């Protein structure tokens, strides 16, 4: 969750509707939190997905075998274990 906190924020800088009932000249603590409303992103079509995959493959021709990938992960894991 995203959160913004402002300490000692002047009441005069608040929007009018938030200043209601607050004394002028004081400071407040302002906390803004983004509500988790689960913004849905439009689904990508199969054709669009395949176009992006093919573009990636065209721009990144090097390939890694499964064995090479496993060895890379093991090497990284071992490197962290040694620290």
PDB file of N, CA and C in Angstrom:
ATOM      1  N   UNK A   1       0.844  -1.174   0.000  1.00  0.00           N
ATOM      2  CA  UNK A   1       0.000   0.000   0.000  1.00  0.00           C
ATOM      3  C   UNK A   1       0.889   1.236   0.000  1.00  0.00           C
ATOM      4  N   UNK A   2       0.573   2.189  -0.844  1.00  0.00           N
ATOM      5  CA  UNK A   2       1.320   3.440  -0.897  1.00  0.00           C
ATOM      6  C   UNK A   2       0.814   4.374   0.183  1.00  0.00           C
ATOM      7  N   UNK A   3       1.750   5.078   0.820  1.00  0.00           N
ATOM      8  CA  UNK A   3       1.394   5.953   1.920  1.00  0.00           C
ATOM      9  C   UNK A   3       2.301   7.173   1.902  1.00  0.00           C
ATOM     10  N   UNK A   4       1.698   8.366   2.085  1.00  0.00           N
ATOM     11  CA  UNK A   4       2.447   9.615   2.179  1.00  0.00           C
ATOM     12  C   UNK A   4       2.091  10.246   3.514  1.00  0.00           C
ATOM     13  N   UNK A   5       3.114  10.646   4.287  1.00  0.00           N
ATOM     14  CA  UNK A   5       2.887  11.276   5.586  1.00  0.00           C
ATOM     15  C   UNK A   5       3.589  12.626   5.589  1.00  0.00           C
ATOM     16  N   UNK A   6       2.867  13.670   6.000  1.00  0.00           N
ATOM     17  CA  UNK A   6       3.449  15.001   6.158  1.00  0.00           C
ATOM     18  C   UNK A   6       3.211  15.447   7.593  1.00  0.00           C
ATOM     19  N   UNK A   7       4.300  15.677   8.294  1.00  0.00           N
ATOM     20  CA  UNK A   7       4.232  16.163   9.671  1.00  0.00           C
ATOM     21  C   UNK A   7       4.236  17.693   9.668  1.00  0.00           C
ATOM     22  N   UNK A   8       3.572  18.283  10.646  1.00  0.00           N
ATOM     23  CA  UNK A   8       3.576  19.740  10.846  1.00  0.00           C
ATOM     24  C   UNK A   8       3.134  20.484   9.582  1.00  0.00           C
ATOM     25  N   UNK A   9       2.077  20.002   8.973  1.00  0.00           N
ATOM     26  CA  UNK A   9       1.561  20.608   7.741  1.00  0.00           C
ATOM     27  C   UNK A   9       0.622  21.749   8.104  1.00  0.00           C
ATOM     28  N   UNK A  10       0.834  22.963   7.560  1.00  0.00           N
ATOM     29  CA  UNK A  10      -0.017  24.111   7.912  1.00  0.00           C
ATOM     30  C   UNK A  10      -1.462  23.913   7.461  1.00  0.00           C
ATOM     31  N   UNK A  11      -2.395  24.183   8.363  1.00  0.00           N
ATOM     32  CA  UNK A  11      -3.813  24.029   8.059  1.00  0.00           C
ATOM     33  C   UNK A  11      -4.203  24.887   6.866  1.00  0.00           C
ATOM     34  N   UNK A  12      -3.578  26.038   6.717  1.00  0.00           N
ATOM     35  CA  UNK A  12      -3.902  26.946   5.624  1.00  0.00           C
ATOM     36  C   UNK A  12      -3.646  26.323   4.252  1.00  0.00           C
ATOM     37  N   UNK A  13      -2.778  25.331   4.185  1.00  0.00           N
ATOM     38  CA  UNK A  13      -2.459  24.686   2.909  1.00  0.00           C
ATOM     39  C   UNK A  13      -3.429  23.567   2.542  1.00  0.00           C
ATOM     40  N   UNK A  14      -4.285  23.193   3.472  1.00  0.00           N
ATOM     41  CA  UNK A  14      -5.255  22.134   3.202  1.00  0.00           C
ATOM     42  C   UNK A  14      -6.370  22.656   2.312  1.00  0.00           C
ATOM     43  N   UNK A  15      -7.004  21.769   1.546  1.00  0.00           N
ATOM     44  CA  UNK A  15      -8.199  22.178   0.796  1.00  0.00           C
ATOM     45  C   UNK A  15      -9.281  22.632   1.769  1.00  0.00           C
ATOM     46  N   UNK A  16     -10.149  23.499   1.303  1.00  0.00           N
ATOM     47  CA  UNK A  16     -11.172  24.104   2.160  1.00  0.00           C
ATOM     48  C   UNK A  16     -12.009  23.072   2.908  1.00  0.00           C
ATOM     49  N   UNK A  17     -12.397  22.002   2.231  1.00  0.00           N
ATOM     50  CA  UNK A  17     -13.259  21.016   2.893  1.00  0.00           C
ATOM     51  C   UNK A  17     -12.538  20.290   4.026  1.00  0.00           C
ATOM     52  N   UNK A  18     -11.203  20.236   3.993  1.00  0.00           N
ATOM     53  CA  UNK A  18     -10.454  19.589   5.072  1.00  0.00           C
ATOM     54  C   UNK A  18     -10.118  20.553   6.200  1.00  0.00           C
ATOM     55  N   UNK A  19     -10.261  21.846   5.945  1.00  0.00           N
ATOM     56  CA  UNK A  19      -9.974  22.838   6.984  1.00  0.00           C
ATOM     57  C   UNK A  19     -11.133  23.033   7.949  1.00  0.00           C
ATOM     58  N   UNK A  20     -12.302  22.528   7.602  1.00  0.00           N
ATOM     59  CA  UNK A  20     -13.492  22.723   8.437  1.00  0.00           C
ATOM     60  C   UNK A  20     -13.247  22.214   9.850  1.00  0.00           C
ATOM     61  N   UNK A  21     -13.524  23.077  10.822  1.00  0.00           N
ATOM     62  CA  UNK A  21     -13.413  22.692  12.223  1.00  0.00           C
ATOM     63  C   UNK A  21     -12.008  22.781  12.788  1.00  0.00           C
ATOM     64  N   UNK A  22     -11.035  23.181  11.973  1.00  0.00           N
ATOM     65  CA  UNK A  22      -9.661  23.309  12.455  1.00  0.00           C
ATOM     66  C   UNK A  22      -9.313  24.779  12.661  1.00  0.00           C
ATOM     67  N   UNK A  23      -8.556  25.029  13.677  1.00  0.00           N
ATOM     68  CA  UNK A  23      -8.155  26.388  14.022  1.00  0.00           C
ATOM     69  C   UNK A  23      -7.056  26.878  13.077  1.00  0.00           C
ATOM     70  N   UNK A  24      -7.189  28.124  12.621  1.00  0.00           N
ATOM     71  CA  UNK A  24      -6.176  28.705  11.730  1.00  0.00           C
ATOM     72  C   UNK A  24      -4.863  28.864  12.483  1.00  0.00           C
ATOM     73  N   UNK A  25      -3.766  28.711  11.770  1.00  0.00           N
ATOM     74  CA  UNK A  25      -2.449  28.904  12.360  1.00  0.00           C
ATOM     75  C   UNK A  25      -1.846  27.672  13.016  1.00  0.00           C
ATOM     76  N   UNK A  26      -2.566  26.555  13.054  1.00  0.00           N
ATOM     77  CA  UNK A  26      -2.013  25.339  13.647  1.00  0.00           C
ATOM     78  C   UNK A  26      -1.478  24.433  12.534  1.00  0.00           C
ATOM     79  N   UNK A  27      -0.736  23.442  12.929  1.00  0.00           N
ATOM     80  CA  UNK A  27      -0.259  22.446  11.976  1.00  0.00           C
ATOM     81  C   UNK A  27      -0.912  21.114  12.287  1.00  0.00           C
ATOM     82  N   UNK A  28      -0.945  20.268  11.268  1.00  0.00           N
ATOM     83  CA  UNK A  28      -1.576  18.953  11.407  1.00  0.00           C
ATOM     84  C   UNK A  28      -0.651  17.897  10.824  1.00  0.00           C
ATOM     85  N   UNK A  29      -0.980  16.664  11.110  1.00  0.00           N
ATOM     86  CA  UNK A  29      -0.292  15.524  10.493  1.00  0.00           C
ATOM     87  C   UNK A  29      -1.220  14.987   9.420  1.00  0.00           C
ATOM     88  N   UNK A  30      -0.734  14.940   8.180  1.00  0.00           N
ATOM     89  CA  UNK A  30      -1.551  14.496   7.058  1.00  0.00           C
ATOM     90  C   UNK A  30      -1.040  13.130   6.610  1.00  0.00           C
ATOM     91  N   UNK A  31      -1.945  12.156   6.527  1.00  0.00           N
ATOM     92  CA  UNK A  31      -1.602  10.816   6.064  1.00  0.00           C
ATOM     93  C   UNK A  31      -2.493  10.492   4.874  1.00  0.00           C
ATOM     94  N   UNK A  32      -1.858  10.209   3.742  1.00  0.00           N
ATOM     95  CA  UNK A  32      -2.581   9.803   2.541  1.00  0.00           C
ATOM     96  C   UNK A  32      -2.237   8.358   2.243  1.00  0.00           C
ATOM     97  N   UNK A  33      -3.259   7.543   2.086  1.00  0.00           N
ATOM     98  CA  UNK A  33      -3.057   6.137   1.752  1.00  0.00           C
ATOM     99  C   UNK A  33      -3.896   5.804   0.531  1.00  0.00           C
ATOM    100  N   UNK A  34      -3.287   5.118  -0.406  1.00  0.00           N
ATOM    101  CA  UNK A  34      -4.000   4.701  -1.601  1.00  0.00           C
ATOM    102  C   UNK A  34      -4.848   3.495  -1.246  1.00  0.00           C
ATOM    103  N   UNK A  35      -6.126   3.590  -1.551  1.00  0.00           N
ATOM    104  CA  UNK A  35      -7.011   2.464  -1.289  1.00  0.00           C
ATOM    105  C   UNK A  35      -6.722   1.345  -2.279  1.00  0.00           C
ATOM    106  N   UNK A  36      -6.769   0.141  -1.778  1.00  0.00           N
ATOM    107  CA  UNK A  36      -6.527  -1.013  -2.639  1.00  0.00           C
ATOM    108  C   UNK A  36      -7.841  -1.376  -3.315  1.00  0.00           C
ATOM    109  N   UNK A  37      -8.078  -0.745  -4.454  1.00  0.00           N
ATOM    110  CA  UNK A  37      -9.323  -0.986  -5.167  1.00  0.00           C
ATOM    111  C   UNK A  37      -9.147  -1.990  -6.296  1.00  0.00           C
ATOM    112  N   UNK A  38      -7.920  -2.493  -6.434  1.00  0.00           N
ATOM    113  CA  UNK A  38      -7.669  -3.507  -7.449  1.00  0.00           C
ATOM    114  C   UNK A  38      -7.971  -3.000  -8.846  1.00  0.00           C
ATOM    115  N   UNK A  39      -7.239  -1.997  -9.270  1.00  0.00           N
ATOM    116  CA  UNK A  39      -7.462  -1.430 -10.590  1.00  0.00           C
ATOM    117  C   UNK A  39      -7.170  -2.507 -11.630  1.00  0.00           C
ATOM    118  N   UNK A  40      -8.177  -2.830 -12.376  1.00  0.00           N
ATOM    119  CA  UNK A  40      -8.045  -3.891 -13.375  1.00  0.00           C
ATOM    120  C   UNK A  40      -7.428  -3.324 -14.646  1.00  0.00           C
ATOM    121  N   UNK A  41      -6.416  -3.995 -15.113  1.00  0.00           N
ATOM    122  CA  UNK A  41      -5.822  -3.607 -16.380  1.00  0.00           C
ATOM    123  C   UNK A  41      -6.492  -4.425 -17.476  1.00  0.00           C
ATOM    124  N   UNK A  42      -6.677  -3.804 -18.623  1.00  0.00           N
ATOM    125  CA  UNK A  42      -7.319  -4.557 -19.706  1.00  0.00           C
ATOM    126  C   UNK A  42      -6.476  -5.773 -20.077  1.00  0.00           C
ATOM    127  N   UNK A  43      -7.160  -6.857 -20.356  1.00  0.00           N
ATOM    128  CA  UNK A  43      -6.469  -8.082 -20.744  1.00  0.00           C
ATOM    129  C   UNK A  43      -5.850  -7.918 -22.117  1.00  0.00           C
ATOM    130  N   UNK A  44      -4.694  -8.532 -22.273  1.00  0.00           N
ATOM    131  CA  UNK A  44      -3.996  -8.483 -23.550  1.00  0.00           C
ATOM    132  C   UNK A  44      -4.507  -9.634 -24.412  1.00  0.00           C
ATOM    133  N   UNK A  45      -4.709  -9.340 -25.676  1.00  0.00           N
ATOM    134  CA  UNK A  45      -5.171 -10.389 -26.582  1.00  0.00           C
ATOM    135  C   UNK A  45      -4.035 -11.383 -26.840  1.00  0.00           C
ATOM    136  N   UNK A  46      -4.401 -12.546 -27.292  1.00  0.00           N
ATOM    137  CA  UNK A  46      -3.413 -13.572 -27.619  1.00  0.00           C
ATOM    138  C   UNK A  46      -2.464 -13.056 -28.705  1.00  0.00           C
ATOM    139  N   UNK A  47      -3.032 -12.388 -29.698  1.00  0.00           N
ATOM    140  CA  UNK A  47      -2.215 -11.868 -30.794  1.00  0.00           C
ATOM    141  C   UNK A  47      -1.205 -10.844 -30.281  1.00  0.00           C
ATOM    142  N   UNK A  48      -1.643  -9.961 -29.380  1.00  0.00           N
ATOM    143  CA  UNK A  48      -0.743  -8.954 -28.813  1.00  0.00           C
ATOM    144  C   UNK A  48       0.358  -9.621 -27.982  1.00  0.00           C
ATOM    145  N   UNK A  49      -0.009 -10.626 -27.211  1.00  0.00           N
ATOM    146  CA  UNK A  49       0.985 -11.362 -26.418  1.00  0.00           C
ATOM    147  C   UNK A  49       2.036 -11.999 -27.317  1.00  0.00           C
ATOM    148  N   UNK A  50       1.589 -12.640 -28.369  1.00  0.00           N
ATOM    149  CA  UNK A  50       2.532 -13.292 -29.282  1.00  0.00           C
ATOM    150  C   UNK A  50       3.408 -12.276 -30.006  1.00  0.00           C
ATOM    151  N   UNK A  51       2.845 -11.132 -30.352  1.00  0.00           N
ATOM    152  CA  UNK A  51       3.639 -10.091 -31.005  1.00  0.00           C
ATOM    153  C   UNK A  51       4.748  -9.615 -30.065  1.00  0.00           C
ATOM    154  N   UNK A  52       4.425  -9.403 -28.780  1.00  0.00           N
ATOM    155  CA  UNK A  52       5.434  -8.966 -27.812  1.00  0.00           C
ATOM    156  C   UNK A  52       6.504 -10.037 -27.590  1.00  0.00           C
ATOM    157  N   UNK A  53       6.088 -11.287 -27.529  1.00  0.00           N
ATOM    158  CA  UNK A  53       7.052 -12.389 -27.369  1.00  0.00           C
ATOM    159  C   UNK A  53       7.984 -12.449 -28.569  1.00  0.00           C
ATOM    160  N   UNK A  54       7.422 -12.363 -29.755  1.00  0.00           N
ATOM    161  CA  UNK A  54       8.244 -12.418 -30.969  1.00  0.00           C
ATOM    162  C   UNK A  54       9.171 -11.215 -31.075  1.00  0.00           C
ATOM    163  N   UNK A  55       8.689 -10.038 -30.677  1.00  0.00           N
ATOM    164  CA  UNK A  55       9.548  -8.846 -30.665  1.00  0.00           C
ATOM    165  C   UNK A  55      10.715  -9.043 -29.701  1.00  0.00           C
ATOM    166  N   UNK A  56      10.434  -9.595 -28.531  1.00  0.00           N
ATOM    167  CA  UNK A  56      11.498  -9.833 -27.556  1.00  0.00           C
ATOM    168  C   UNK A  56      12.520 -10.827 -28.107  1.00  0.00           C
ATOM    169  N   UNK A  57      12.030 -11.902 -28.673  1.00  0.00           N
ATOM    170  CA  UNK A  57      12.940 -12.907 -29.222  1.00  0.00           C
ATOM    171  C   UNK A  57      13.785 -12.341 -30.358  1.00  0.00           C
ATOM    172  N   UNK A  58      13.189 -11.484 -31.185  1.00  0.00           N
ATOM    173  CA  UNK A  58      13.927 -10.861 -32.281  1.00  0.00           C
ATOM    174  C   UNK A  58      15.037  -9.952 -31.730  1.00  0.00           C
ATOM    175  N   UNK A  59      14.711  -9.188 -30.682  1.00  0.00           N
ATOM    176  CA  UNK A  59      15.665  -8.229 -30.122  1.00  0.00           C
ATOM    177  C   UNK A  59      16.665  -8.868 -29.160  1.00  0.00           C
ATOM    178  N   UNK A  60      16.402 -10.093 -28.713  1.00  0.00           N
ATOM    179  CA  UNK A  60      17.268 -10.798 -27.766  1.00  0.00           C
ATOM    180  C   UNK A  60      17.492 -12.219 -28.270  1.00  0.00           C
ATOM    181  N   UNK A  61      18.358 -12.374 -29.265  1.00  0.00           N
ATOM    182  CA  UNK A  61      18.504 -13.678 -29.916  1.00  0.00           C
ATOM    183  C   UNK A  61      19.205 -14.739 -29.070  1.00  0.00           C
ATOM    184  N   UNK A  62      19.958 -14.331 -28.034  1.00  0.00           N
ATOM    185  CA  UNK A  62      20.670 -15.341 -27.247  1.00  0.00           C
ATOM    186  C   UNK A  62      19.660 -16.196 -26.470  1.00  0.00           C
ATOM    187  N   UNK A  63      19.961 -17.454 -26.375  1.00  0.00           N
ATOM    188  CA  UNK A  63      19.080 -18.391 -25.678  1.00  0.00           C
ATOM    189  C   UNK A  63      19.860 -19.060 -24.557  1.00  0.00           C
ATOM    190  N   UNK A  64      19.149 -19.453 -23.519  1.00  0.00           N
ATOM    191  CA  UNK A  64      19.755 -20.126 -22.370  1.00  0.00           C
ATOM    192  C   UNK A  64      19.053 -21.470 -22.210  1.00  0.00           C
ATOM    193  N   UNK A  65      19.848 -22.518 -22.114  1.00  0.00           N
ATOM    194  CA  UNK A  65      19.246 -23.838 -21.908  1.00  0.00           C
ATOM    195  C   UNK A  65      18.773 -23.953 -20.460  1.00  0.00           C
ATOM    196  N   UNK A  66      17.913 -24.901 -20.227  1.00  0.00           N
ATOM    197  CA  UNK A  66      17.411 -25.116 -18.867  1.00  0.00           C
ATOM    198  C   UNK A  66      18.560 -25.448 -17.923  1.00  0.00           C
ATOM    199  N   UNK A  67      19.509 -26.227 -18.401  1.00  0.00           N
ATOM    200  CA  UNK A  67      20.644 -26.603 -17.566  1.00  0.00           C
ATOM    201  C   UNK A  67      21.490 -25.380 -17.198  1.00  0.00           C
ATOM    202  N   UNK A  68      21.715 -24.496 -18.180  1.00  0.00           N
ATOM    203  CA  UNK A  68      22.477 -23.269 -17.910  1.00  0.00           C
ATOM    204  C   UNK A  68      21.746 -22.377 -16.908  1.00  0.00           C
ATOM    205  N   UNK A  69      20.433 -22.270 -17.067  1.00  0.00           N
ATOM    206  CA  UNK A  69      19.656 -21.436 -16.155  1.00  0.00           C
ATOM    207  C   UNK A  69      19.728 -21.979 -14.729  1.00  0.00           C
ATOM    208  N   UNK A  70      19.601 -23.288 -14.589  1.00  0.00           N
ATOM    209  CA  UNK A  70      19.677 -23.916 -13.266  1.00  0.00           C
ATOM    210  C   UNK A  70      21.052 -23.677 -12.650  1.00  0.00           C
ATOM    211  N   UNK A  71      22.094 -23.821 -13.458  1.00  0.00           N
ATOM    212  CA  UNK A  71      23.448 -23.605 -12.944  1.00  0.00           C
ATOM    213  C   UNK A  71      23.651 -22.157 -12.501  1.00  0.00           C
ATOM    214  N   UNK A  72      23.119 -21.202 -13.255  1.00  0.00           N
ATOM    215  CA  UNK A  72      23.229 -19.791 -12.866  1.00  0.00           C
ATOM    216  C   UNK A  72      22.553 -19.525 -11.526  1.00  0.00           C
ATOM    217  N   UNK A  73      21.378 -20.102 -11.357  1.00  0.00           N
ATOM    218  CA  UNK A  73      20.653 -19.920 -10.090  1.00  0.00           C
ATOM    219  C   UNK A  73      21.440 -20.554  -8.943  1.00  0.00           C
ATOM    220  N   UNK A  74      21.970 -21.738  -9.167  1.00  0.00           N
ATOM    221  CA  UNK A  74      22.763 -22.397  -8.121  1.00  0.00           C
ATOM    222  C   UNK A  74      24.004 -21.577  -7.767  1.00  0.00           C
ATOM    223  N   UNK A  75      24.668 -21.028  -8.781  1.00  0.00           N
ATOM    224  CA  UNK A  75      25.851 -20.200  -8.530  1.00  0.00           C
ATOM    225  C   UNK A  75      25.491 -18.970  -7.709  1.00  0.00           C
ATOM    226  N   UNK A  76      24.392 -18.332  -8.048  1.00  0.00           N
ATOM    227  CA  UNK A  76      23.966 -17.165  -7.269  1.00  0.00           C
ATOM    228  C   UNK A  76      23.616 -17.543  -5.836  1.00  0.00           C
ATOM    229  N   UNK A  77      22.905 -18.649  -5.689  1.00  0.00           N
ATOM    230  CA  UNK A  77      22.543 -19.108  -4.339  1.00  0.00           C
ATOM    231  C   UNK A  77      23.793 -19.381  -3.523  1.00  0.00           C
ATOM    232  N   UNK A  78      24.753 -20.076  -4.119  1.00  0.00           N
ATOM    233  CA  UNK A  78      25.991 -20.406  -3.414  1.00  0.00           C
ATOM    234  C   UNK A  78      26.767 -19.146  -3.068  1.00  0.00           C
ATOM    235  N   UNK A  79      26.746 -18.175  -3.965  1.00  0.00           N
ATOM    236  CA  UNK A  79      27.441 -16.909  -3.712  1.00  0.00           C
ATOM    237  C   UNK A  79      26.849 -16.232  -2.488  1.00  0.00           C
ATOM    238  N   UNK A  80      25.528 -16.242  -2.364  1.00  0.00           N
ATOM    239  CA  UNK A  80      24.895 -15.612  -1.201  1.00  0.00           C
ATOM    240  C   UNK A  80      25.118 -16.413   0.068  1.00  0.00           C
ATOM    241  N   UNK A  81      25.207 -17.724  -0.063  1.00  0.00           N
ATOM    242  CA  UNK A  81      25.459 -18.566   1.105  1.00  0.00           C
ATOM    243  C   UNK A  81      26.831 -18.306   1.684  1.00  0.00           C
ATOM    244  N   UNK A  82      27.789 -17.913   0.840  1.00  0.00           N
ATOM    245  CA  UNK A  82      29.160 -17.686   1.286  1.00  0.00           C
ATOM    246  C   UNK A  82      29.310 -16.373   2.044  1.00  0.00           C
ATOM    247  N   UNK A  83      28.357 -15.485   1.945  1.00  0.00           N
ATOM    248  CA  UNK A  83      28.458 -14.169   2.595  1.00  0.00           C
ATOM    249  C   UNK A  83      28.110 -14.234   4.051  1.00  0.00           C
TER     250      UNK A  83
END
